[in-house]
Amino acid sequence: MSDTAIRVHGSCWSRTLPDRPKGVSARRGFCCFLRRSTVSWVGLHCTAFPVSRQQSCIVGRNIHGKAATRALFTGIVEEMGTVASVGPVDDGFEMTINASVALDGVKLGDSIAVNGTCLTVTRFDQSSFSVGLAPETLRRTSLGEVTPGFYVNLERSLQPTSRMGGHFVQGHVDGTGTIVSLNKEGDSLWVKVRTSVDVLRYIVPKGYIAVDGTSLTIVDVFDDELAFSFMLVAYTQQKIVIPLKAVGSKVNLEVDIVGKYVERLLAGYSTTTGEIGQS
């Protein structure tokens, strides 16, 4: 199996770990969160680094501290990019991705969904762009497991003239899921994903969900297994990263925002106490 395939499947392989501060674990594949006085230190693949760079779509501000513009996506992946580098920089944590379509018309501060996670462009050139990753992004998404060579889904933010081919996707990942089965049926691929009860409560048969930023229609929900399934046709399989992953791999999940609004409206809101209650 090639290095690229191994990385895509999320497996471990032998490599030299980067230098790390004393006391930081040498284990791979997880994020280490340490606190040193009032400064957050986040380690990815066992490298600790100070975090000050933030990205707009998760925390509401861009890397310069100014109020961020809000982005919206459709869940129609424009291309698969390749992670060129990922790791600590002077004032935070940065990922650089090789791309082509996603670079068309790109500007500093633009929002691009990377595996369904809305991130802000901090640097770019003719063949790649860089984004900053905040601690919240690493905690909530699967991007903490990404290494050079990984393929990632890319989608630029929606414009007023864009066609709505999928559904409204904010790029605010609700949680992660784990692929539990990949089964072929003709040229189609059935995928089953297990997730948490907090995410599954918003998932309904024939409803929408964004999996690694891909707008998909849910086929079945298995409450007893905390899982759901969807099917990928042959064309879609060629355009997204999900078929490249193996059973046990993590995927980012964003549920349809409509369900959250409906839940809150049905619960009612007490203006006197400021607490959600029964109407």
C-alpha atoms as a PDB file:
ATOM      1  CA  MET A   1       0.000   0.000   0.000  1.00  0.00           C
ATOM      2  CA  SER A   2       1.322   3.454  -0.883  1.00  0.00           C
ATOM      3  CA  ASP A   3       2.085   6.183   1.658  1.00  0.00           C
ATOM      4  CA  THR A   4      -0.813   8.216   0.283  1.00  0.00           C
ATOM      5  CA  ALA A   5      -3.275   5.355   0.768  1.00  0.00           C
ATOM      6  CA  ILE A   6      -2.022   4.752   4.291  1.00  0.00           C
ATOM      7  CA  ARG A   7      -2.493   8.394   5.180  1.00  0.00           C
ATOM      8  CA  VAL A   8      -5.939   8.562   3.667  1.00  0.00           C
ATOM      9  CA  HIS A   9      -7.005   5.528   5.652  1.00  0.00           C
ATOM     10  CA  GLY A  10      -5.793   7.176   8.836  1.00  0.00           C
ATOM     11  CA  SER A  11      -3.403   4.407   9.784  1.00  0.00           C
ATOM     12  CA  CYS A  12      -0.147   4.913  11.663  1.00  0.00           C
ATOM     13  CA  TRP A  13       3.174   4.519   9.941  1.00  0.00           C
ATOM     14  CA  SER A  14       6.792   4.932  11.005  1.00  0.00           C
ATOM     15  CA  ARG A  15       8.137   8.421  10.708  1.00  0.00           C
ATOM     16  CA  THR A  16      10.390  10.792  12.629  1.00  0.00           C
ATOM     17  CA  LEU A  17       8.421  12.932  15.024  1.00  0.00           C
ATOM     18  CA  PRO A  18       9.186  16.661  15.090  1.00  0.00           C
ATOM     19  CA  ASP A  19      11.056  18.106  18.043  1.00  0.00           C
ATOM     20  CA  ARG A  20       8.744  18.655  20.975  1.00  0.00           C
ATOM     21  CA  PRO A  21       9.053  20.397  24.343  1.00  0.00           C
ATOM     22  CA  LYS A  22      10.039  18.270  27.320  1.00  0.00           C
ATOM     23  CA  GLY A  23       7.083  16.571  28.967  1.00  0.00           C
ATOM     24  CA  VAL A  24       4.936  16.287  25.850  1.00  0.00           C
ATOM     25  CA  SER A  25       3.882  12.737  24.971  1.00  0.00           C
ATOM     26  CA  ALA A  26       5.374  11.068  21.912  1.00  0.00           C
ATOM     27  CA  ARG A  27       2.139   9.226  21.089  1.00  0.00           C
ATOM     28  CA  ARG A  28       0.596   9.844  17.677  1.00  0.00           C
ATOM     29  CA  GLY A  29      -2.923  10.445  16.504  1.00  0.00           C
ATOM     30  CA  PHE A  30      -4.429  12.640  19.218  1.00  0.00           C
ATOM     31  CA  CYS A  31      -4.414  16.229  20.446  1.00  0.00           C
ATOM     32  CA  CYS A  32      -2.757  17.152  23.722  1.00  0.00           C
ATOM     33  CA  PHE A  33      -4.254  20.162  25.475  1.00  0.00           C
ATOM     34  CA  LEU A  34      -2.001  21.776  28.057  1.00  0.00           C
ATOM     35  CA  ARG A  35      -2.255  25.053  29.913  1.00  0.00           C
ATOM     36  CA  ARG A  36       0.780  27.151  30.685  1.00  0.00           C
ATOM     37  CA  SER A  37      -0.390  30.124  32.815  1.00  0.00           C
ATOM     38  CA  THR A  38      -3.020  31.879  30.668  1.00  0.00           C
ATOM     39  CA  VAL A  39      -1.742  30.596  27.345  1.00  0.00           C
ATOM     40  CA  SER A  40      -3.365  27.573  25.693  1.00  0.00           C
ATOM     41  CA  TRP A  41      -0.976  25.078  24.245  1.00  0.00           C
ATOM     42  CA  VAL A  42      -2.325  22.599  21.790  1.00  0.00           C
ATOM     43  CA  GLY A  43      -0.285  19.689  20.490  1.00  0.00           C
ATOM     44  CA  LEU A  44      -1.101  17.850  17.315  1.00  0.00           C
ATOM     45  CA  HIS A  45       0.749  14.600  16.634  1.00  0.00           C
ATOM     46  CA  CYS A  46       2.716  15.268  19.827  1.00  0.00           C
ATOM     47  CA  THR A  47       3.964  18.782  19.021  1.00  0.00           C
ATOM     48  CA  ALA A  48       3.055  21.539  21.486  1.00  0.00           C
ATOM     49  CA  PHE A  49       2.557  25.058  20.258  1.00  0.00           C
ATOM     50  CA  PRO A  50       1.086  28.375  21.484  1.00  0.00           C
ATOM     51  CA  VAL A  51      -2.314  29.163  19.991  1.00  0.00           C
ATOM     52  CA  SER A  52      -3.241  32.725  19.117  1.00  0.00           C
ATOM     53  CA  ARG A  53      -4.334  32.338  15.503  1.00  0.00           C
ATOM     54  CA  GLN A  54      -8.057  31.788  15.155  1.00  0.00           C
ATOM     55  CA  GLN A  55     -10.272  31.169  12.192  1.00  0.00           C
ATOM     56  CA  SER A  56     -13.504  33.011  11.639  1.00  0.00           C
ATOM     57  CA  CYS A  57     -16.151  30.397  11.030  1.00  0.00           C
ATOM     58  CA  ILE A  58     -15.752  28.555  14.332  1.00  0.00           C
ATOM     59  CA  VAL A  59     -14.957  31.318  16.799  1.00  0.00           C
ATOM     60  CA  GLY A  60     -16.546  34.320  15.090  1.00  0.00           C
ATOM     61  CA  ARG A  61     -13.413  36.379  14.516  1.00  0.00           C
ATOM     62  CA  ASN A  62     -10.713  36.319  11.877  1.00  0.00           C
ATOM     63  CA  ILE A  63      -6.972  36.099  12.401  1.00  0.00           C
ATOM     64  CA  HIS A  64      -6.687  39.873  12.795  1.00  0.00           C
ATOM     65  CA  GLY A  65      -9.283  39.999  15.576  1.00  0.00           C
ATOM     66  CA  LYS A  66     -11.847  41.822  13.456  1.00  0.00           C
ATOM     67  CA  ALA A  67     -15.476  40.742  13.223  1.00  0.00           C
ATOM     68  CA  ALA A  68     -15.685  37.975  10.666  1.00  0.00           C
ATOM     69  CA  THR A  69     -18.038  37.748   7.732  1.00  0.00           C
ATOM     70  CA  ARG A  70     -20.411  34.800   7.794  1.00  0.00           C
ATOM     71  CA  ALA A  71     -20.023  32.108   5.174  1.00  0.00           C
ATOM     72  CA  LEU A  72     -22.480  29.605   3.772  1.00  0.00           C
ATOM     73  CA  PHE A  73     -21.956  26.470   1.699  1.00  0.00           C
ATOM     74  CA  THR A  74     -24.097  23.980  -0.221  1.00  0.00           C
ATOM     75  CA  GLY A  75     -22.309  20.708   0.488  1.00  0.00           C
ATOM     76  CA  ILE A  76     -21.401  20.242  -3.182  1.00  0.00           C
ATOM     77  CA  VAL A  77     -17.667  19.489  -3.103  1.00  0.00           C
ATOM     78  CA  GLU A  78     -15.743  21.424  -5.769  1.00  0.00           C
ATOM     79  CA  GLU A  79     -12.546  19.401  -5.624  1.00  0.00           C
ATOM     80  CA  MET A  80     -10.346  17.202  -3.483  1.00  0.00           C
ATOM     81  CA  GLY A  81      -7.254  19.014  -2.272  1.00  0.00           C
ATOM     82  CA  THR A  82      -4.101  17.432  -0.870  1.00  0.00           C
ATOM     83  CA  VAL A  83      -2.651  18.470   2.478  1.00  0.00           C
ATOM     84  CA  ALA A  84       0.867  19.745   1.807  1.00  0.00           C
ATOM     85  CA  SER A  85       1.836  20.577   5.378  1.00  0.00           C
ATOM     86  CA  VAL A  86       0.275  20.875   8.798  1.00  0.00           C
ATOM     87  CA  GLY A  87       1.834  21.949  12.067  1.00  0.00           C
ATOM     88  CA  PRO A  88       2.740  24.769  14.443  1.00  0.00           C
ATOM     89  CA  VAL A  89       3.854  28.184  13.246  1.00  0.00           C
ATOM     90  CA  ASP A  90       5.123  31.218  15.152  1.00  0.00           C
ATOM     91  CA  ASP A  91       1.733  32.300  16.497  1.00  0.00           C
ATOM     92  CA  GLY A  92      -0.552  29.307  16.121  1.00  0.00           C
ATOM     93  CA  PHE A  93      -1.275  26.253  14.035  1.00  0.00           C
ATOM     94  CA  GLU A  94      -1.493  26.151  10.251  1.00  0.00           C
ATOM     95  CA  MET A  95      -2.520  23.791   7.458  1.00  0.00           C
ATOM     96  CA  THR A  96      -1.476  24.263   3.820  1.00  0.00           C
ATOM     97  CA  ILE A  97      -3.474  22.560   1.076  1.00  0.00           C
ATOM     98  CA  ASN A  98      -2.640  22.074  -2.598  1.00  0.00           C
ATOM     99  CA  ALA A  99      -5.642  22.968  -4.755  1.00  0.00           C
ATOM    100  CA  SER A 100      -6.718  24.414  -8.102  1.00  0.00           C
ATOM    101  CA  VAL A 101     -10.473  25.095  -8.343  1.00  0.00           C
ATOM    102  CA  ALA A 102     -10.655  26.445  -4.790  1.00  0.00           C
ATOM    103  CA  LEU A 103      -7.985  29.037  -5.634  1.00  0.00           C
ATOM    104  CA  ASP A 104     -10.036  30.646  -8.403  1.00  0.00           C
ATOM    105  CA  GLY A 105     -10.749  34.202  -7.247  1.00  0.00           C
ATOM    106  CA  VAL A 106      -9.489  33.523  -3.725  1.00  0.00           C
ATOM    107  CA  LYS A 107      -8.626  36.460  -1.433  1.00  0.00           C
ATOM    108  CA  LEU A 108      -7.131  36.737   2.027  1.00  0.00           C
ATOM    109  CA  GLY A 109      -9.886  36.262   4.586  1.00  0.00           C
ATOM    110  CA  ASP A 110     -12.071  34.167   2.286  1.00  0.00           C
ATOM    111  CA  SER A 111     -13.826  31.139   3.742  1.00  0.00           C
ATOM    112  CA  ILE A 112     -13.242  27.646   2.374  1.00  0.00           C
ATOM    113  CA  ALA A 113     -14.840  24.490   3.766  1.00  0.00           C
ATOM    114  CA  VAL A 114     -12.177  21.843   4.395  1.00  0.00           C
ATOM    115  CA  ASN A 115     -13.844  18.482   5.038  1.00  0.00           C
ATOM    116  CA  GLY A 116     -16.902  20.471   6.017  1.00  0.00           C
ATOM    117  CA  THR A 117     -15.073  22.786   8.416  1.00  0.00           C
ATOM    118  CA  CYS A 118     -15.305  26.478   7.570  1.00  0.00           C
ATOM    119  CA  LEU A 119     -11.772  27.912   7.669  1.00  0.00           C
ATOM    120  CA  THR A 120     -10.280  31.288   6.775  1.00  0.00           C
ATOM    121  CA  VAL A 121      -7.579  31.705   4.132  1.00  0.00           C
ATOM    122  CA  THR A 122      -4.482  33.272   5.706  1.00  0.00           C
ATOM    123  CA  ARG A 123      -2.020  32.853   2.814  1.00  0.00           C
ATOM    124  CA  PHE A 124      -2.149  31.590  -0.753  1.00  0.00           C
ATOM    125  CA  ASP A 125      -0.137  31.285  -3.952  1.00  0.00           C
ATOM    126  CA  GLN A 126      -0.790  29.852  -7.403  1.00  0.00           C
ATOM    127  CA  SER A 127      -0.991  26.251  -6.235  1.00  0.00           C
ATOM    128  CA  SER A 128      -1.948  26.227  -2.553  1.00  0.00           C
ATOM    129  CA  PHE A 129      -3.585  28.074   0.325  1.00  0.00           C
ATOM    130  CA  SER A 130      -3.111  28.082   4.082  1.00  0.00           C
ATOM    131  CA  VAL A 131      -5.631  28.224   6.918  1.00  0.00           C
ATOM    132  CA  GLY A 132      -5.289  28.695  10.660  1.00  0.00           C
ATOM    133  CA  LEU A 133      -6.700  26.096  13.046  1.00  0.00           C
ATOM    134  CA  ALA A 134      -8.047  27.083  16.457  1.00  0.00           C
ATOM    135  CA  PRO A 135      -8.146  24.767  19.514  1.00  0.00           C
ATOM    136  CA  GLU A 136     -11.949  24.541  19.188  1.00  0.00           C
ATOM    137  CA  THR A 137     -11.547  23.324  15.612  1.00  0.00           C
ATOM    138  CA  LEU A 138      -9.170  20.555  16.701  1.00  0.00           C
ATOM    139  CA  ARG A 139     -11.478  19.506  19.540  1.00  0.00           C
ATOM    140  CA  ARG A 140     -14.690  19.411  17.521  1.00  0.00           C
ATOM    141  CA  THR A 141     -13.526  18.065  14.142  1.00  0.00           C
ATOM    142  CA  SER A 142     -11.392  15.288  12.699  1.00  0.00           C
ATOM    143  CA  LEU A 143      -8.819  17.747  11.331  1.00  0.00           C
ATOM    144  CA  GLY A 144      -6.555  16.992  14.282  1.00  0.00           C
ATOM    145  CA  GLU A 145      -5.787  13.641  12.646  1.00  0.00           C
ATOM    146  CA  VAL A 146      -4.867  15.059   9.238  1.00  0.00           C
ATOM    147  CA  THR A 147      -1.260  14.722   8.073  1.00  0.00           C
ATOM    148  CA  PRO A 148       0.562  15.602   4.826  1.00  0.00           C
ATOM    149  CA  GLY A 149      -0.726  13.471   1.972  1.00  0.00           C
ATOM    150  CA  PHE A 150      -4.333  13.368   3.159  1.00  0.00           C
ATOM    151  CA  TYR A 151      -7.034  14.204   0.634  1.00  0.00           C
ATOM    152  CA  VAL A 152      -9.652  16.694   1.841  1.00  0.00           C
ATOM    153  CA  ASN A 153     -12.954  17.916   0.401  1.00  0.00           C
ATOM    154  CA  LEU A 154     -12.920  21.591  -0.593  1.00  0.00           C
ATOM    155  CA  GLU A 155     -15.771  24.012  -1.257  1.00  0.00           C
ATOM    156  CA  ARG A 156     -15.664  27.789  -1.569  1.00  0.00           C
ATOM    157  CA  SER A 157     -18.354  29.810   0.194  1.00  0.00           C
ATOM    158  CA  LEU A 158     -21.680  30.383  -1.521  1.00  0.00           C
ATOM    159  CA  GLN A 159     -22.225  33.492  -3.658  1.00  0.00           C
ATOM    160  CA  PRO A 160     -25.607  35.130  -4.472  1.00  0.00           C
ATOM    161  CA  THR A 161     -25.370  33.766  -8.023  1.00  0.00           C
ATOM    162  CA  SER A 162     -24.475  30.203  -6.999  1.00  0.00           C
ATOM    163  CA  ARG A 163     -26.873  27.346  -7.669  1.00  0.00           C
ATOM    164  CA  MET A 164     -28.159  25.499  -4.602  1.00  0.00           C
ATOM    165  CA  GLY A 165     -27.293  21.935  -5.512  1.00  0.00           C
ATOM    166  CA  GLY A 166     -27.246  20.560  -1.965  1.00  0.00           C
ATOM    167  CA  HIS A 167     -28.571  22.157   1.222  1.00  0.00           C
ATOM    168  CA  PHE A 168     -27.546  25.002   3.510  1.00  0.00           C
ATOM    169  CA  VAL A 169     -24.250  24.044   5.162  1.00  0.00           C
ATOM    170  CA  GLN A 170     -22.628  26.453   7.620  1.00  0.00           C
ATOM    171  CA  GLY A 171     -19.290  24.748   8.040  1.00  0.00           C
ATOM    172  CA  HIS A 172     -19.911  24.526  11.790  1.00  0.00           C
ATOM    173  CA  VAL A 173     -19.167  20.900  12.572  1.00  0.00           C
ATOM    174  CA  ASP A 174     -21.523  19.445  15.200  1.00  0.00           C
ATOM    175  CA  GLY A 175     -19.378  16.426  15.940  1.00  0.00           C
ATOM    176  CA  THR A 176     -17.601  13.478  14.405  1.00  0.00           C
ATOM    177  CA  GLY A 177     -18.720  10.024  13.399  1.00  0.00           C
ATOM    178  CA  THR A 178     -16.924   6.746  12.793  1.00  0.00           C
ATOM    179  CA  ILE A 179     -17.379   4.695   9.642  1.00  0.00           C
ATOM    180  CA  VAL A 180     -18.588   1.231  10.703  1.00  0.00           C
ATOM    181  CA  SER A 181     -19.227  -0.324   7.290  1.00  0.00           C
ATOM    182  CA  LEU A 182     -18.561   0.224   3.572  1.00  0.00           C
ATOM    183  CA  ASN A 183     -20.527  -2.121   1.325  1.00  0.00           C
ATOM    184  CA  LYS A 184     -20.721  -2.214  -2.459  1.00  0.00           C
ATOM    185  CA  GLU A 185     -24.029  -2.763  -4.265  1.00  0.00           C
ATOM    186  CA  GLY A 186     -23.409  -2.714  -7.986  1.00  0.00           C
ATOM    187  CA  ASP A 187     -21.509   0.513  -8.660  1.00  0.00           C
ATOM    188  CA  SER A 188     -23.010   2.203  -5.576  1.00  0.00           C
ATOM    189  CA  LEU A 189     -21.455   2.330  -2.109  1.00  0.00           C
ATOM    190  CA  TRP A 190     -23.432   1.973   1.130  1.00  0.00           C
ATOM    191  CA  VAL A 191     -21.861   3.745   4.102  1.00  0.00           C
ATOM    192  CA  LYS A 192     -22.889   3.371   7.744  1.00  0.00           C
ATOM    193  CA  VAL A 193     -21.622   5.872  10.321  1.00  0.00           C
ATOM    194  CA  ARG A 194     -21.847   5.701  14.113  1.00  0.00           C
ATOM    195  CA  THR A 195     -22.065   8.954  16.058  1.00  0.00           C
ATOM    196  CA  SER A 196     -23.145  10.376  19.427  1.00  0.00           C
ATOM    197  CA  VAL A 197     -26.724  10.624  20.681  1.00  0.00           C
ATOM    198  CA  ASP A 198     -26.384  14.430  20.647  1.00  0.00           C
ATOM    199  CA  VAL A 199     -25.860  14.358  16.880  1.00  0.00           C
ATOM    200  CA  LEU A 200     -28.171  11.451  16.057  1.00  0.00           C
ATOM    201  CA  ARG A 201     -31.190  13.212  17.591  1.00  0.00           C
ATOM    202  CA  TYR A 202     -31.228  15.601  14.596  1.00  0.00           C
ATOM    203  CA  ILE A 203     -30.849  12.883  11.956  1.00  0.00           C
ATOM    204  CA  VAL A 204     -33.984  11.608  10.200  1.00  0.00           C
ATOM    205  CA  PRO A 205     -34.552   9.266   7.237  1.00  0.00           C
ATOM    206  CA  LYS A 206     -34.632  11.158   3.919  1.00  0.00           C
ATOM    207  CA  GLY A 207     -33.220  14.232   5.660  1.00  0.00           C
ATOM    208  CA  TYR A 208     -30.004  16.084   4.885  1.00  0.00           C
ATOM    209  CA  ILE A 209     -26.620  15.771   6.544  1.00  0.00           C
ATOM    210  CA  ALA A 210     -23.144  17.050   5.663  1.00  0.00           C
ATOM    211  CA  VAL A 211     -20.494  14.326   5.979  1.00  0.00           C
ATOM    212  CA  ASP A 212     -16.983  15.738   5.575  1.00  0.00           C
ATOM    213  CA  GLY A 213     -18.720  18.694   3.933  1.00  0.00           C
ATOM    214  CA  THR A 214     -20.652  16.593   1.403  1.00  0.00           C
ATOM    215  CA  SER A 215     -24.422  17.154   1.257  1.00  0.00           C
ATOM    216  CA  LEU A 216     -26.015  13.710   1.503  1.00  0.00           C
ATOM    217  CA  THR A 217     -29.478  12.212   1.915  1.00  0.00           C
ATOM    218  CA  ILE A 218     -29.897   9.899   4.900  1.00  0.00           C
ATOM    219  CA  VAL A 219     -31.400   6.515   4.023  1.00  0.00           C
ATOM    220  CA  ASP A 220     -31.838   4.800   7.400  1.00  0.00           C
ATOM    221  CA  VAL A 221     -31.372   5.678  11.060  1.00  0.00           C
ATOM    222  CA  PHE A 222     -30.448   2.933  13.546  1.00  0.00           C
ATOM    223  CA  ASP A 223     -31.269   4.324  16.992  1.00  0.00           C
ATOM    224  CA  ASP A 224     -30.168   1.175  18.823  1.00  0.00           C
ATOM    225  CA  GLU A 225     -26.749   1.393  17.149  1.00  0.00           C
ATOM    226  CA  LEU A 226     -26.443   5.198  17.291  1.00  0.00           C
ATOM    227  CA  ALA A 227     -25.832   5.021  13.550  1.00  0.00           C
ATOM    228  CA  PHE A 228     -27.200   6.109  10.191  1.00  0.00           C
ATOM    229  CA  SER A 229     -26.586   5.127   6.581  1.00  0.00           C
ATOM    230  CA  PHE A 230     -26.390   6.757   3.168  1.00  0.00           C
ATOM    231  CA  MET A 231     -25.570   5.668  -0.364  1.00  0.00           C
ATOM    232  CA  LEU A 232     -23.009   7.115  -2.774  1.00  0.00           C
ATOM    233  CA  VAL A 233     -23.553   6.764  -6.521  1.00  0.00           C
ATOM    234  CA  ALA A 234     -20.570   6.112  -8.788  1.00  0.00           C
ATOM    235  CA  TYR A 235     -20.150   9.754  -9.841  1.00  0.00           C
ATOM    236  CA  THR A 236     -20.100  11.037  -6.262  1.00  0.00           C
ATOM    237  CA  GLN A 237     -17.570   8.402  -5.245  1.00  0.00           C
ATOM    238  CA  GLN A 238     -15.087   9.881  -7.706  1.00  0.00           C
ATOM    239  CA  LYS A 239     -15.456  13.425  -6.360  1.00  0.00           C
ATOM    240  CA  ILE A 240     -15.214  13.113  -2.575  1.00  0.00           C
ATOM    241  CA  VAL A 241     -12.911  11.608   0.056  1.00  0.00           C
ATOM    242  CA  ILE A 242     -15.334   9.269   1.844  1.00  0.00           C
ATOM    243  CA  PRO A 243     -14.713   6.242  -0.455  1.00  0.00           C
ATOM    244  CA  LEU A 244     -10.972   6.643   0.169  1.00  0.00           C
ATOM    245  CA  LYS A 245     -11.438   6.096   3.890  1.00  0.00           C
ATOM    246  CA  ALA A 246     -11.506   2.791   5.744  1.00  0.00           C
ATOM    247  CA  VAL A 247     -13.791   1.335   8.377  1.00  0.00           C
ATOM    248  CA  GLY A 248     -12.841   3.005  11.657  1.00  0.00           C
ATOM    249  CA  SER A 249     -11.996   6.357  10.055  1.00  0.00           C
ATOM    250  CA  LYS A 250     -13.523   9.529  11.453  1.00  0.00           C
ATOM    251  CA  VAL A 251     -15.742  11.900   9.478  1.00  0.00           C
ATOM    252  CA  ASN A 252     -16.995  15.395  10.282  1.00  0.00           C
ATOM    253  CA  LEU A 253     -20.763  15.734  10.697  1.00  0.00           C
ATOM    254  CA  GLU A 254     -23.013  18.781  10.438  1.00  0.00           C
ATOM    255  CA  VAL A 255     -26.738  18.231  10.848  1.00  0.00           C
ATOM    256  CA  ASP A 256     -29.421  20.237   9.065  1.00  0.00           C
ATOM    257  CA  ILE A 257     -29.797  23.534  10.960  1.00  0.00           C
ATOM    258  CA  VAL A 258     -33.585  23.458  10.427  1.00  0.00           C
ATOM    259  CA  GLY A 259     -33.930  20.698  13.015  1.00  0.00           C
ATOM    260  CA  LYS A 260     -32.232  22.811  15.667  1.00  0.00           C
ATOM    261  CA  TYR A 261     -34.511  25.779  14.999  1.00  0.00           C
ATOM    262  CA  VAL A 262     -37.622  23.594  15.168  1.00  0.00           C
ATOM    263  CA  GLU A 263     -36.479  22.025  18.437  1.00  0.00           C
ATOM    264  CA  ARG A 264     -35.934  25.408  20.029  1.00  0.00           C
ATOM    265  CA  LEU A 265     -39.251  26.807  18.805  1.00  0.00           C
ATOM    266  CA  LEU A 266     -41.167  23.792  20.113  1.00  0.00           C
ATOM    267  CA  ALA A 267     -39.428  23.999  23.477  1.00  0.00           C
ATOM    268  CA  GLY A 268     -40.511  27.601  23.877  1.00  0.00           C
ATOM    269  CA  TYR A 269     -38.577  30.393  25.516  1.00  0.00           C
ATOM    270  CA  SER A 270     -39.252  32.158  28.800  1.00  0.00           C
ATOM    271  CA  THR A 271     -38.543  35.877  28.478  1.00  0.00           C
ATOM    272  CA  THR A 272     -38.845  36.330  32.235  1.00  0.00           C
ATOM    273  CA  THR A 273     -36.227  33.794  33.305  1.00  0.00           C
ATOM    274  CA  GLY A 274     -34.197  33.633  30.105  1.00  0.00           C
ATOM    275  CA  GLU A 275     -34.404  29.872  30.222  1.00  0.00           C
ATOM    276  CA  ILE A 276     -35.787  27.406  27.731  1.00  0.00           C
ATOM    277  CA  GLY A 277     -38.974  25.805  28.978  1.00  0.00           C
ATOM    278  CA  GLN A 278     -42.171  24.133  27.876  1.00  0.00           C
ATOM    279  CA  SER A 279     -44.639  26.383  26.067  1.00  0.00           C
END
